[in-house]
Structures are given as C-alpha cells and as structure tokens.
Amino acid sequence: MNNFEKIAASPDKLGAFLASLPVIEGPWDTAFQRQYCSGCGKVNCDGCPNEAYRSNPGWWLTLDAGEES
C-alpha cells in the first residue's frame, strides 16, 4: 500500500491527515465560515453550537463538491 492509498482509504483517514497538516487556514475553514459564521451575531466564538465542524476537514469532505469562489 502506498501513502496515497493509506490516507485516502476512507473519509475519516483523509480528514485526519488533512487535520494534521500545519496550515493556518484550509478550504474547510472557509466553508465553515461561509456556512456558520456569516449569519452569526455573536461577538466571539465561545460556546459556538457548531464547534464540532470548526477546523474539521472531515466535515468538509462530506459536503457536495462545488465551485469555490
């Protein structure tokens, strides 16, 4: 098994690999902000009801593919 096959074996494995990358912001962060933050009226993110999706490429991998703006 090569490295690609190992990390692409399932969405969970690929999500874990992407989460381990030392990036400041990924496309999953942009999608999260667009979907959950754009209409949120909170001053800060403490107690965010969508915390499970923040910085979570596994969530992002479940979204329908579309054109990124």
N, C-alpha and C. Protein backbone atom coordinates (compact mmCIF):
# COMPACT_ATOMS: atom_id res chain seq x y z
N MET A 1 0.86 -1.17 0.00
CA MET A 1 0.00 0.00 0.00
C MET A 1 0.90 1.24 0.00
N ASN A 2 0.61 2.17 -0.91
CA ASN A 2 1.40 3.40 -0.93
C ASN A 2 0.77 4.46 -0.02
N ASN A 3 1.44 5.58 0.14
CA ASN A 3 0.96 6.63 1.05
C ASN A 3 -0.40 7.17 0.64
N PHE A 4 -0.63 7.37 -0.66
CA PHE A 4 -1.92 7.86 -1.12
C PHE A 4 -3.03 6.89 -0.73
N GLU A 5 -2.82 5.62 -0.99
CA GLU A 5 -3.84 4.62 -0.66
C GLU A 5 -4.13 4.60 0.84
N LYS A 6 -3.10 4.81 1.62
CA LYS A 6 -3.26 4.80 3.08
C LYS A 6 -4.10 5.99 3.55
N ILE A 7 -3.80 7.20 3.06
CA ILE A 7 -4.53 8.36 3.56
C ILE A 7 -5.89 8.52 2.88
N ALA A 8 -6.09 7.90 1.72
CA ALA A 8 -7.36 8.01 1.01
C ALA A 8 -8.24 6.78 1.21
N ALA A 9 -7.91 5.94 2.16
CA ALA A 9 -8.66 4.71 2.39
C ALA A 9 -10.10 4.97 2.82
N SER A 10 -10.33 6.10 3.49
CA SER A 10 -11.68 6.46 3.92
C SER A 10 -11.73 7.97 4.17
N PRO A 11 -12.92 8.55 4.18
CA PRO A 11 -13.02 9.97 4.51
C PRO A 11 -12.45 10.31 5.89
N ASP A 12 -12.61 9.39 6.84
CA ASP A 12 -12.07 9.63 8.18
C ASP A 12 -10.55 9.69 8.17
N LYS A 13 -9.91 8.78 7.44
CA LYS A 13 -8.44 8.78 7.37
C LYS A 13 -7.94 10.01 6.64
N LEU A 14 -8.60 10.38 5.54
CA LEU A 14 -8.19 11.58 4.82
C LEU A 14 -8.41 12.83 5.66
N GLY A 15 -9.54 12.90 6.36
CA GLY A 15 -9.80 14.03 7.25
C GLY A 15 -8.77 14.15 8.35
N ALA A 16 -8.38 13.04 8.94
CA ALA A 16 -7.35 13.04 9.98
C ALA A 16 -6.01 13.51 9.42
N PHE A 17 -5.69 13.06 8.22
CA PHE A 17 -4.44 13.51 7.59
C PHE A 17 -4.47 15.01 7.33
N LEU A 18 -5.57 15.51 6.76
CA LEU A 18 -5.67 16.94 6.48
C LEU A 18 -5.61 17.76 7.77
N ALA A 19 -6.25 17.28 8.82
CA ALA A 19 -6.24 17.99 10.11
C ALA A 19 -4.84 18.04 10.70
N SER A 20 -3.99 17.09 10.35
CA SER A 20 -2.64 17.05 10.91
C SER A 20 -1.67 18.01 10.21
N LEU A 21 -2.09 18.55 9.06
CA LEU A 21 -1.21 19.46 8.33
C LEU A 21 -1.08 20.79 9.06
N PRO A 22 0.12 21.33 9.14
CA PRO A 22 0.32 22.59 9.85
C PRO A 22 -0.04 23.80 8.97
N VAL A 23 -1.34 23.98 8.76
CA VAL A 23 -1.81 25.10 7.95
C VAL A 23 -2.60 26.05 8.85
N ILE A 24 -2.52 27.32 8.54
CA ILE A 24 -3.26 28.30 9.32
C ILE A 24 -4.75 28.23 8.99
N GLU A 25 -5.05 28.07 7.72
CA GLU A 25 -6.44 28.01 7.30
C GLU A 25 -6.55 27.16 6.05
N GLY A 26 -7.53 26.28 6.02
CA GLY A 26 -7.76 25.43 4.86
C GLY A 26 -9.11 25.71 4.25
N PRO A 27 -9.43 25.07 3.14
CA PRO A 27 -10.73 25.29 2.50
C PRO A 27 -11.90 24.90 3.41
N TRP A 28 -11.68 24.01 4.36
CA TRP A 28 -12.73 23.63 5.30
C TRP A 28 -13.06 24.80 6.23
N ASP A 29 -12.07 25.64 6.54
CA ASP A 29 -12.32 26.82 7.36
C ASP A 29 -13.16 27.83 6.61
N THR A 30 -12.86 28.04 5.34
CA THR A 30 -13.63 28.97 4.51
C THR A 30 -15.08 28.50 4.41
N ALA A 31 -15.29 27.20 4.18
CA ALA A 31 -16.64 26.65 4.08
C ALA A 31 -17.38 26.80 5.41
N PHE A 32 -16.69 26.56 6.51
CA PHE A 32 -17.30 26.71 7.84
C PHE A 32 -17.74 28.15 8.06
N GLN A 33 -16.84 29.08 7.77
CA GLN A 33 -17.16 30.49 7.97
C GLN A 33 -18.32 30.92 7.10
N ARG A 34 -18.36 30.47 5.87
CA ARG A 34 -19.44 30.83 4.95
C ARG A 34 -20.77 30.25 5.45
N GLN A 35 -20.75 28.99 5.89
CA GLN A 35 -21.99 28.32 6.27
C GLN A 35 -22.48 28.72 7.66
N TYR A 36 -21.57 28.87 8.63
CA TYR A 36 -22.00 29.06 10.01
C TYR A 36 -21.73 30.46 10.58
N CYS A 37 -20.67 31.10 10.15
CA CYS A 37 -20.30 32.38 10.76
C CYS A 37 -20.95 33.58 10.09
N SER A 38 -21.24 33.48 8.82
CA SER A 38 -21.71 34.65 8.06
C SER A 38 -23.01 35.22 8.63
N GLY A 39 -23.88 34.39 9.16
CA GLY A 39 -25.13 34.88 9.72
C GLY A 39 -25.17 34.90 11.23
N CYS A 40 -24.06 34.59 11.85
CA CYS A 40 -24.00 34.53 13.31
C CYS A 40 -23.83 35.94 13.88
N GLY A 41 -24.58 36.25 14.90
CA GLY A 41 -24.49 37.57 15.50
C GLY A 41 -23.62 37.62 16.74
N LYS A 42 -22.93 36.53 17.06
CA LYS A 42 -22.10 36.51 18.27
C LYS A 42 -20.87 37.39 18.10
N VAL A 43 -20.43 37.97 19.21
CA VAL A 43 -19.24 38.81 19.22
C VAL A 43 -17.98 37.95 19.21
N ASN A 44 -18.02 36.80 19.87
CA ASN A 44 -16.88 35.87 19.86
C ASN A 44 -17.40 34.45 19.66
N CYS A 45 -16.50 33.52 19.55
CA CYS A 45 -16.87 32.14 19.22
C CYS A 45 -17.05 31.24 20.44
N ASP A 46 -16.95 31.80 21.64
CA ASP A 46 -17.14 30.99 22.84
C ASP A 46 -18.54 30.38 22.84
N GLY A 47 -18.61 29.10 23.04
CA GLY A 47 -19.90 28.42 23.10
C GLY A 47 -20.56 28.23 21.74
N CYS A 48 -19.79 28.24 20.68
CA CYS A 48 -20.34 28.07 19.33
C CYS A 48 -21.07 26.72 19.25
N PRO A 49 -22.34 26.73 18.81
CA PRO A 49 -23.07 25.48 18.70
C PRO A 49 -22.57 24.58 17.56
N ASN A 50 -21.70 25.11 16.72
CA ASN A 50 -21.17 24.35 15.58
C ASN A 50 -19.69 24.03 15.74
N GLU A 51 -19.22 24.01 16.95
CA GLU A 51 -17.79 23.80 17.24
C GLU A 51 -17.26 22.50 16.64
N ALA A 52 -18.11 21.48 16.54
CA ALA A 52 -17.67 20.19 16.00
C ALA A 52 -17.22 20.29 14.55
N TYR A 53 -17.68 21.32 13.84
CA TYR A 53 -17.33 21.49 12.44
C TYR A 53 -16.15 22.43 12.21
N ARG A 54 -15.80 23.22 13.21
CA ARG A 54 -14.70 24.19 13.09
C ARG A 54 -13.37 23.45 12.95
N SER A 55 -12.57 23.86 11.99
CA SER A 55 -11.25 23.26 11.75
C SER A 55 -11.35 21.75 11.58
N ASN A 56 -12.41 21.31 10.93
CA ASN A 56 -12.68 19.88 10.78
C ASN A 56 -12.77 19.50 9.31
N PRO A 57 -11.65 19.08 8.71
CA PRO A 57 -11.71 18.69 7.31
C PRO A 57 -12.60 17.47 7.07
N GLY A 58 -12.82 16.66 8.09
CA GLY A 58 -13.71 15.51 7.94
C GLY A 58 -15.13 15.96 7.60
N TRP A 59 -15.59 17.04 8.24
CA TRP A 59 -16.90 17.61 7.93
C TRP A 59 -16.91 18.15 6.50
N TRP A 60 -15.87 18.86 6.14
CA TRP A 60 -15.75 19.46 4.81
C TRP A 60 -15.79 18.40 3.72
N LEU A 61 -15.17 17.25 3.96
CA LEU A 61 -15.14 16.18 2.96
C LEU A 61 -16.54 15.61 2.69
N THR A 62 -17.49 15.80 3.58
CA THR A 62 -18.84 15.29 3.36
C THR A 62 -19.70 16.24 2.54
N LEU A 63 -19.24 17.46 2.30
CA LEU A 63 -20.01 18.44 1.54
C LEU A 63 -20.00 18.10 0.05
N ASP A 64 -21.07 18.49 -0.63
CA ASP A 64 -21.10 18.32 -2.08
C ASP A 64 -20.02 19.19 -2.71
N ALA A 65 -19.36 18.65 -3.72
CA ALA A 65 -18.34 19.41 -4.41
C ALA A 65 -19.02 20.50 -5.24
N GLY A 66 -18.42 21.67 -5.22
CA GLY A 66 -18.96 22.78 -5.98
C GLY A 66 -17.85 23.73 -6.31
N GLU A 67 -18.19 24.75 -7.00
CA GLU A 67 -17.17 25.73 -7.35
C GLU A 67 -16.88 26.61 -6.14
N GLU A 68 -15.61 26.77 -5.85
CA GLU A 68 -15.19 27.67 -4.77
C GLU A 68 -15.08 29.07 -5.32
N SER A 69 -15.51 30.03 -4.55
CA SER A 69 -15.38 31.41 -5.01
C SER A 69 -14.06 32.00 -4.61
